[in-house]
Amino acid sequence: MADLRAVIFDFGGVFTTSPVENFAVFERANGLRARFLGEVIKKNHHANAFARFERGEIDLDAFDRDFAAETKEAGFEVRGRTLVSLLEVTLRPEMARAFERVKAAGFKTGCITNNMPANSGAGAVSGPHQKEVARLFSLFDHVIESSKAGVRKPEPRIYEMMCDALGVAPAECVFIDDLGVNLKPAAAMGMRTIKAPFGDVRPAIMQLSALIGVPL
């Protein structure tokens, strides 16, 4: 579409499998109710241990302790380091190919990713794929990492920062994320939004293709 100039991507859960899938396996193995970990992460979601860790405000030791306290209060103690171990993901090559076609079509591209400090070992892509992740990051016109920027999705400021960096208005952007809570602020600003389903990103790629008028 002629009025769209930029495509902004989440990374984890869009270019990779989602940690939420790993959470579900852990919950089943430990007899926990479905989405237990997600509920803890979403509770008080701007100020809890997970949010502070993603903004780089606390280190791994503090996260390990504080997340344990939050999960214990919710009914089952899970150490922060255990959660970190569940964040390892693998790449989805079909989204990488779609991203490269978006770039080739002349759209500006950005990545907004909630992540954790580099020395925490969190959110890691397994060894063989690390070079590909670095390559993809180098292709974006701009990348915002929450742990470096000190702000995270769904805080509206992070979307404003990306628009400023790309030199576009929100209405000129498409934003893709796997979490609805992260899409709501973008939509409220005027961005077109696409939710990447867990387990299969092809529907999101098809939606993006239709929006921008480019075969992906």
C-alpha atoms as a PDB file:
ATOM      1  CA  MET A   1       0.000   0.000   0.000  1.00  0.00           C
ATOM      2  CA  ALA A   2       1.290   3.427  -0.977  1.00  0.00           C
ATOM      3  CA  ASP A   3       0.869   4.949   2.510  1.00  0.00           C
ATOM      4  CA  LEU A   4       3.019   2.332   4.241  1.00  0.00           C
ATOM      5  CA  ARG A   5       6.741   3.054   4.401  1.00  0.00           C
ATOM      6  CA  ALA A   6       8.071   0.883   7.219  1.00  0.00           C
ATOM      7  CA  VAL A   7       7.729  -2.593   8.690  1.00  0.00           C
ATOM      8  CA  ILE A   8       8.700  -3.046  12.337  1.00  0.00           C
ATOM      9  CA  PHE A   9       9.297  -6.525  13.686  1.00  0.00           C
ATOM     10  CA  ASP A  10       9.487  -8.089  17.108  1.00  0.00           C
ATOM     11  CA  PHE A  11      12.286 -10.671  17.171  1.00  0.00           C
ATOM     12  CA  GLY A  12      11.598 -13.464  19.680  1.00  0.00           C
ATOM     13  CA  GLY A  13       8.413 -15.277  18.714  1.00  0.00           C
ATOM     14  CA  VAL A  14       8.464 -13.768  15.214  1.00  0.00           C
ATOM     15  CA  PHE A  15      11.887 -14.625  13.795  1.00  0.00           C
ATOM     16  CA  THR A  16      12.194 -17.439  16.327  1.00  0.00           C
ATOM     17  CA  THR A  17      10.063 -19.965  18.119  1.00  0.00           C
ATOM     18  CA  SER A  18       8.340 -18.519  21.168  1.00  0.00           C
ATOM     19  CA  PRO A  19       9.540 -19.066  24.740  1.00  0.00           C
ATOM     20  CA  VAL A  20       5.846 -19.431  25.588  1.00  0.00           C
ATOM     21  CA  GLU A  21       6.009 -22.860  23.957  1.00  0.00           C
ATOM     22  CA  ASN A  22       8.849 -23.784  26.349  1.00  0.00           C
ATOM     23  CA  PHE A  23       6.868 -22.413  29.285  1.00  0.00           C
ATOM     24  CA  ALA A  24       3.975 -24.750  28.441  1.00  0.00           C
ATOM     25  CA  VAL A  25       6.273 -27.794  28.475  1.00  0.00           C
ATOM     26  CA  PHE A  26       7.685 -26.756  31.866  1.00  0.00           C
ATOM     27  CA  GLU A  27       4.218 -26.168  33.306  1.00  0.00           C
ATOM     28  CA  ARG A  28       2.968 -29.583  32.205  1.00  0.00           C
ATOM     29  CA  ALA A  29       6.084 -31.295  33.576  1.00  0.00           C
ATOM     30  CA  ASN A  30       5.607 -29.649  36.983  1.00  0.00           C
ATOM     31  CA  GLY A  31       1.858 -30.050  37.263  1.00  0.00           C
ATOM     32  CA  LEU A  32       1.230 -26.321  37.035  1.00  0.00           C
ATOM     33  CA  ARG A  33      -1.850 -24.722  35.584  1.00  0.00           C
ATOM     34  CA  ALA A  34      -1.532 -23.590  31.979  1.00  0.00           C
ATOM     35  CA  ARG A  35       0.012 -20.125  31.531  1.00  0.00           C
ATOM     36  CA  PHE A  36       1.234 -19.985  35.154  1.00  0.00           C
ATOM     37  CA  LEU A  37       4.550 -18.385  34.142  1.00  0.00           C
ATOM     38  CA  GLY A  38       2.853 -15.969  31.785  1.00  0.00           C
ATOM     39  CA  GLU A  39       0.496 -14.857  34.536  1.00  0.00           C
ATOM     40  CA  VAL A  40       3.427 -14.048  36.830  1.00  0.00           C
ATOM     41  CA  ILE A  41       5.215 -12.177  34.049  1.00  0.00           C
ATOM     42  CA  LYS A  42       2.078 -10.148  33.234  1.00  0.00           C
ATOM     43  CA  LYS A  43       1.196  -9.252  36.835  1.00  0.00           C
ATOM     44  CA  ASN A  44       2.319  -5.697  37.603  1.00  0.00           C
ATOM     45  CA  HIS A  45       3.983  -5.944  34.210  1.00  0.00           C
ATOM     46  CA  HIS A  46       5.722  -2.554  34.178  1.00  0.00           C
ATOM     47  CA  ALA A  47       7.427  -3.010  37.548  1.00  0.00           C
ATOM     48  CA  ASN A  48       7.865  -6.741  38.233  1.00  0.00           C
ATOM     49  CA  ALA A  49      11.167  -8.613  38.165  1.00  0.00           C
ATOM     50  CA  PHE A  50      10.833  -9.618  34.515  1.00  0.00           C
ATOM     51  CA  ALA A  51      10.185  -6.027  33.405  1.00  0.00           C
ATOM     52  CA  ARG A  52      13.072  -4.647  35.447  1.00  0.00           C
ATOM     53  CA  PHE A  53      15.404  -7.323  34.071  1.00  0.00           C
ATOM     54  CA  GLU A  54      14.378  -6.593  30.481  1.00  0.00           C
ATOM     55  CA  ARG A  55      15.099  -2.894  31.041  1.00  0.00           C
ATOM     56  CA  GLY A  56      18.530  -3.789  32.421  1.00  0.00           C
ATOM     57  CA  GLU A  57      17.680  -2.338  35.833  1.00  0.00           C
ATOM     58  CA  ILE A  58      18.649  -5.473  37.790  1.00  0.00           C
ATOM     59  CA  ASP A  59      21.262  -8.183  37.249  1.00  0.00           C
ATOM     60  CA  LEU A  60      20.776 -11.928  36.940  1.00  0.00           C
ATOM     61  CA  ASP A  61      21.274 -12.579  40.671  1.00  0.00           C
ATOM     62  CA  ALA A  62      18.577 -10.082  41.594  1.00  0.00           C
ATOM     63  CA  PHE A  63      16.249 -11.449  38.925  1.00  0.00           C
ATOM     64  CA  ASP A  64      16.825 -15.001  40.144  1.00  0.00           C
ATOM     65  CA  ARG A  65      15.823 -13.979  43.674  1.00  0.00           C
ATOM     66  CA  ASP A  66      12.960 -11.618  42.859  1.00  0.00           C
ATOM     67  CA  PHE A  67      11.297 -13.873  40.283  1.00  0.00           C
ATOM     68  CA  ALA A  68      11.471 -16.746  42.775  1.00  0.00           C
ATOM     69  CA  ALA A  69       9.617 -14.601  45.305  1.00  0.00           C
ATOM     70  CA  GLU A  70       6.944 -13.616  42.802  1.00  0.00           C
ATOM     71  CA  THR A  71       6.315 -17.173  41.635  1.00  0.00           C
ATOM     72  CA  LYS A  72       6.300 -18.495  45.209  1.00  0.00           C
ATOM     73  CA  GLU A  73       3.612 -15.963  46.073  1.00  0.00           C
ATOM     74  CA  ALA A  74       1.638 -17.200  43.044  1.00  0.00           C
ATOM     75  CA  GLY A  75       1.815 -20.796  44.325  1.00  0.00           C
ATOM     76  CA  PHE A  76       4.976 -22.485  42.982  1.00  0.00           C
ATOM     77  CA  GLU A  77       8.521 -21.194  43.284  1.00  0.00           C
ATOM     78  CA  VAL A  78      10.479 -20.940  40.024  1.00  0.00           C
ATOM     79  CA  ARG A  79      13.952 -19.418  40.194  1.00  0.00           C
ATOM     80  CA  GLY A  80      14.784 -16.649  37.758  1.00  0.00           C
ATOM     81  CA  ARG A  81      17.654 -18.719  36.395  1.00  0.00           C
ATOM     82  CA  THR A  82      15.190 -21.510  35.626  1.00  0.00           C
ATOM     83  CA  LEU A  83      13.087 -19.091  33.617  1.00  0.00           C
ATOM     84  CA  VAL A  84      16.191 -17.917  31.762  1.00  0.00           C
ATOM     85  CA  SER A  85      16.899 -21.528  30.785  1.00  0.00           C
ATOM     86  CA  LEU A  86      13.442 -21.672  29.186  1.00  0.00           C
ATOM     87  CA  LEU A  87      14.134 -18.711  26.932  1.00  0.00           C
ATOM     88  CA  GLU A  88      16.330 -20.522  24.418  1.00  0.00           C
ATOM     89  CA  VAL A  89      14.718 -20.494  20.994  1.00  0.00           C
ATOM     90  CA  THR A  90      15.420 -21.507  17.395  1.00  0.00           C
ATOM     91  CA  LEU A  91      15.165 -19.483  14.201  1.00  0.00           C
ATOM     92  CA  ARG A  92      12.271 -19.510  11.759  1.00  0.00           C
ATOM     93  CA  PRO A  93      13.883 -19.184   8.321  1.00  0.00           C
ATOM     94  CA  GLU A  94      10.588 -18.393   6.580  1.00  0.00           C
ATOM     95  CA  MET A  95      10.322 -15.074   8.462  1.00  0.00           C
ATOM     96  CA  ALA A  96      13.940 -14.230   7.689  1.00  0.00           C
ATOM     97  CA  ARG A  97      13.209 -14.717   3.991  1.00  0.00           C
ATOM     98  CA  ALA A  98      10.101 -12.551   4.203  1.00  0.00           C
ATOM     99  CA  PHE A  99      12.060  -9.813   5.988  1.00  0.00           C
ATOM    100  CA  GLU A 100      14.697  -9.764   3.246  1.00  0.00           C
ATOM    101  CA  ARG A 101      11.976  -9.427   0.603  1.00  0.00           C
ATOM    102  CA  VAL A 102      10.450  -6.527   2.537  1.00  0.00           C
ATOM    103  CA  LYS A 103      13.848  -4.805   2.495  1.00  0.00           C
ATOM    104  CA  ALA A 104      14.357  -5.527  -1.195  1.00  0.00           C
ATOM    105  CA  ALA A 105      11.001  -3.884  -1.913  1.00  0.00           C
ATOM    106  CA  GLY A 106      12.306  -0.633  -0.431  1.00  0.00           C
ATOM    107  CA  PHE A 107      10.544  -0.511   2.934  1.00  0.00           C
ATOM    108  CA  LYS A 108      12.316   0.836   5.984  1.00  0.00           C
ATOM    109  CA  THR A 109      12.726  -1.877   8.610  1.00  0.00           C
ATOM    110  CA  GLY A 110      13.067  -1.839  12.365  1.00  0.00           C
ATOM    111  CA  CYS A 111      13.234  -4.342  15.194  1.00  0.00           C
ATOM    112  CA  ILE A 112      11.883  -3.723  18.695  1.00  0.00           C
ATOM    113  CA  THR A 113      12.870  -6.565  20.983  1.00  0.00           C
ATOM    114  CA  ASN A 114      12.385  -7.045  24.694  1.00  0.00           C
ATOM    115  CA  ASN A 115      15.526  -8.817  25.815  1.00  0.00           C
ATOM    116  CA  MET A 116      17.785  -9.209  28.811  1.00  0.00           C
ATOM    117  CA  PRO A 117      21.336  -8.043  29.532  1.00  0.00           C
ATOM    118  CA  ALA A 118      23.898  -9.748  27.309  1.00  0.00           C
ATOM    119  CA  ASN A 119      25.762 -11.338  30.210  1.00  0.00           C
ATOM    120  CA  SER A 120      22.630 -13.014  31.585  1.00  0.00           C
ATOM    121  CA  GLY A 121      22.521 -15.833  29.039  1.00  0.00           C
ATOM    122  CA  ALA A 122      18.846 -15.089  28.544  1.00  0.00           C
ATOM    123  CA  GLY A 123      16.826 -15.290  25.389  1.00  0.00           C
ATOM    124  CA  ALA A 124      19.622 -17.096  23.596  1.00  0.00           C
ATOM    125  CA  VAL A 125      19.436 -18.595  20.151  1.00  0.00           C
ATOM    126  CA  SER A 126      21.326 -21.870  20.045  1.00  0.00           C
ATOM    127  CA  GLY A 127      24.965 -21.716  18.945  1.00  0.00           C
ATOM    128  CA  PRO A 128      24.749 -22.606  15.240  1.00  0.00           C
ATOM    129  CA  HIS A 129      22.208 -19.817  14.668  1.00  0.00           C
ATOM    130  CA  GLN A 130      24.001 -16.973  16.459  1.00  0.00           C
ATOM    131  CA  LYS A 131      25.809 -15.831  13.311  1.00  0.00           C
ATOM    132  CA  GLU A 132      22.500 -15.673  11.438  1.00  0.00           C
ATOM    133  CA  VAL A 133      20.922 -13.597  14.230  1.00  0.00           C
ATOM    134  CA  ALA A 134      23.825 -11.147  14.033  1.00  0.00           C
ATOM    135  CA  ARG A 135      23.411 -10.967  10.255  1.00  0.00           C
ATOM    136  CA  LEU A 136      19.692 -10.262  10.532  1.00  0.00           C
ATOM    137  CA  PHE A 137      20.239  -7.567  13.156  1.00  0.00           C
ATOM    138  CA  SER A 138      22.756  -5.896  10.850  1.00  0.00           C
ATOM    139  CA  LEU A 139      20.153  -5.688   8.071  1.00  0.00           C
ATOM    140  CA  PHE A 140      17.571  -3.700  10.031  1.00  0.00           C
ATOM    141  CA  ASP A 141      17.646   0.060   9.555  1.00  0.00           C
ATOM    142  CA  HIS A 142      17.302   0.373  13.325  1.00  0.00           C
ATOM    143  CA  VAL A 143      17.154  -2.002  16.294  1.00  0.00           C
ATOM    144  CA  ILE A 144      15.927  -1.163  19.800  1.00  0.00           C
ATOM    145  CA  GLU A 145      16.811  -3.655  22.530  1.00  0.00           C
ATOM    146  CA  SER A 146      14.972  -3.074  25.801  1.00  0.00           C
ATOM    147  CA  SER A 147      17.952  -4.005  27.962  1.00  0.00           C
ATOM    148  CA  LYS A 148      20.069  -1.303  26.290  1.00  0.00           C
ATOM    149  CA  ALA A 149      17.386   1.353  25.823  1.00  0.00           C
ATOM    150  CA  GLY A 150      15.979   1.114  29.352  1.00  0.00           C
ATOM    151  CA  VAL A 151      12.432   0.971  28.001  1.00  0.00           C
ATOM    152  CA  ARG A 152      10.390  -2.037  26.891  1.00  0.00           C
ATOM    153  CA  LYS A 153       7.220  -3.037  25.098  1.00  0.00           C
ATOM    154  CA  PRO A 154       4.394  -2.294  25.757  1.00  0.00           C
ATOM    155  CA  GLU A 155       5.614   1.108  27.016  1.00  0.00           C
ATOM    156  CA  PRO A 156       4.515   3.590  24.304  1.00  0.00           C
ATOM    157  CA  ARG A 157       7.850   5.403  24.332  1.00  0.00           C
ATOM    158  CA  ILE A 158       9.669   2.503  22.678  1.00  0.00           C
ATOM    159  CA  TYR A 159       7.397   2.686  19.611  1.00  0.00           C
ATOM    160  CA  GLU A 160       7.856   6.453  19.439  1.00  0.00           C
ATOM    161  CA  MET A 161      11.626   5.964  19.552  1.00  0.00           C
ATOM    162  CA  MET A 162      11.468   3.606  16.586  1.00  0.00           C
ATOM    163  CA  CYS A 163       9.328   5.966  14.522  1.00  0.00           C
ATOM    164  CA  ASP A 164      11.728   8.812  15.261  1.00  0.00           C
ATOM    165  CA  ALA A 165      14.728   6.673  14.272  1.00  0.00           C
ATOM    166  CA  LEU A 166      13.127   5.579  10.991  1.00  0.00           C
ATOM    167  CA  GLY A 167      11.740   9.034  10.209  1.00  0.00           C
ATOM    168  CA  VAL A 168       8.179   7.798   9.765  1.00  0.00           C
ATOM    169  CA  ALA A 169       4.774   8.446  11.289  1.00  0.00           C
ATOM    170  CA  PRO A 170       3.028   5.598  13.134  1.00  0.00           C
ATOM    171  CA  ALA A 171       0.341   5.480  10.414  1.00  0.00           C
ATOM    172  CA  GLU A 172       3.070   4.643   7.897  1.00  0.00           C
ATOM    173  CA  CYS A 173       4.141   1.524   9.815  1.00  0.00           C
ATOM    174  CA  VAL A 174       3.200  -2.120  10.153  1.00  0.00           C
ATOM    175  CA  PHE A 175       4.176  -3.753  13.441  1.00  0.00           C
ATOM    176  CA  ILE A 176       4.417  -7.531  13.927  1.00  0.00           C
ATOM    177  CA  ASP A 177       4.591  -9.161  17.360  1.00  0.00           C
ATOM    178  CA  ASP A 178       3.543 -12.480  18.862  1.00  0.00           C
ATOM    179  CA  LEU A 179       1.963 -10.892  21.963  1.00  0.00           C
ATOM    180  CA  GLY A 180      -1.280  -8.973  21.847  1.00  0.00           C
ATOM    181  CA  VAL A 181      -0.300  -6.795  24.796  1.00  0.00           C
ATOM    182  CA  ASN A 182       2.596  -5.431  22.719  1.00  0.00           C
ATOM    183  CA  LEU A 183       0.386  -4.754  19.702  1.00  0.00           C
ATOM    184  CA  LYS A 184      -2.204  -2.640  21.538  1.00  0.00           C
ATOM    185  CA  PRO A 185      -0.058   0.491  22.073  1.00  0.00           C
ATOM    186  CA  ALA A 186       1.170   0.338  18.467  1.00  0.00           C
ATOM    187  CA  ALA A 187      -2.417   0.140  17.195  1.00  0.00           C
ATOM    188  CA  ALA A 188      -3.455   3.004  19.482  1.00  0.00           C
ATOM    189  CA  MET A 189      -0.725   5.143  17.881  1.00  0.00           C
ATOM    190  CA  GLY A 190      -2.066   4.379  14.405  1.00  0.00           C
ATOM    191  CA  MET A 191       0.167   1.520  13.277  1.00  0.00           C
ATOM    192  CA  ARG A 192      -1.251  -1.453  11.375  1.00  0.00           C
ATOM    193  CA  THR A 193      -0.608  -4.511  13.531  1.00  0.00           C
ATOM    194  CA  ILE A 194      -0.180  -8.219  12.851  1.00  0.00           C
ATOM    195  CA  LYS A 195      -0.137 -10.944  15.496  1.00  0.00           C
ATOM    196  CA  ALA A 196       2.276 -13.782  14.760  1.00  0.00           C
ATOM    197  CA  PRO A 197       0.624 -17.014  15.957  1.00  0.00           C
ATOM    198  CA  PHE A 198       2.541 -19.386  18.215  1.00  0.00           C
ATOM    199  CA  GLY A 199       3.931 -22.325  16.292  1.00  0.00           C
ATOM    200  CA  ASP A 200       3.393 -21.041  12.748  1.00  0.00           C
ATOM    201  CA  VAL A 201       4.284 -17.583  11.432  1.00  0.00           C
ATOM    202  CA  ARG A 202       3.007 -18.204   7.915  1.00  0.00           C
ATOM    203  CA  PRO A 203      -0.392 -16.553   8.565  1.00  0.00           C
ATOM    204  CA  ALA A 204       1.457 -13.419   9.733  1.00  0.00           C
ATOM    205  CA  ILE A 205       3.619 -13.450   6.598  1.00  0.00           C
ATOM    206  CA  MET A 206       0.507 -13.742   4.427  1.00  0.00           C
ATOM    207  CA  GLN A 207      -1.118 -10.798   6.241  1.00  0.00           C
ATOM    208  CA  LEU A 208       2.004  -8.703   5.813  1.00  0.00           C
ATOM    209  CA  SER A 209       2.211  -9.560   2.134  1.00  0.00           C
ATOM    210  CA  ALA A 210      -1.382  -8.440   1.623  1.00  0.00           C
ATOM    211  CA  LEU A 211      -0.860  -5.188   3.537  1.00  0.00           C
ATOM    212  CA  ILE A 212       2.276  -4.051   1.707  1.00  0.00           C
ATOM    213  CA  GLY A 213       1.435  -5.541  -1.679  1.00  0.00           C
ATOM    214  CA  VAL A 214       4.657  -7.529  -1.967  1.00  0.00           C
ATOM    215  CA  PRO A 215       4.864 -11.303  -2.551  1.00  0.00           C
ATOM    216  CA  LEU A 216       6.593 -12.816   0.495  1.00  0.00           C
END
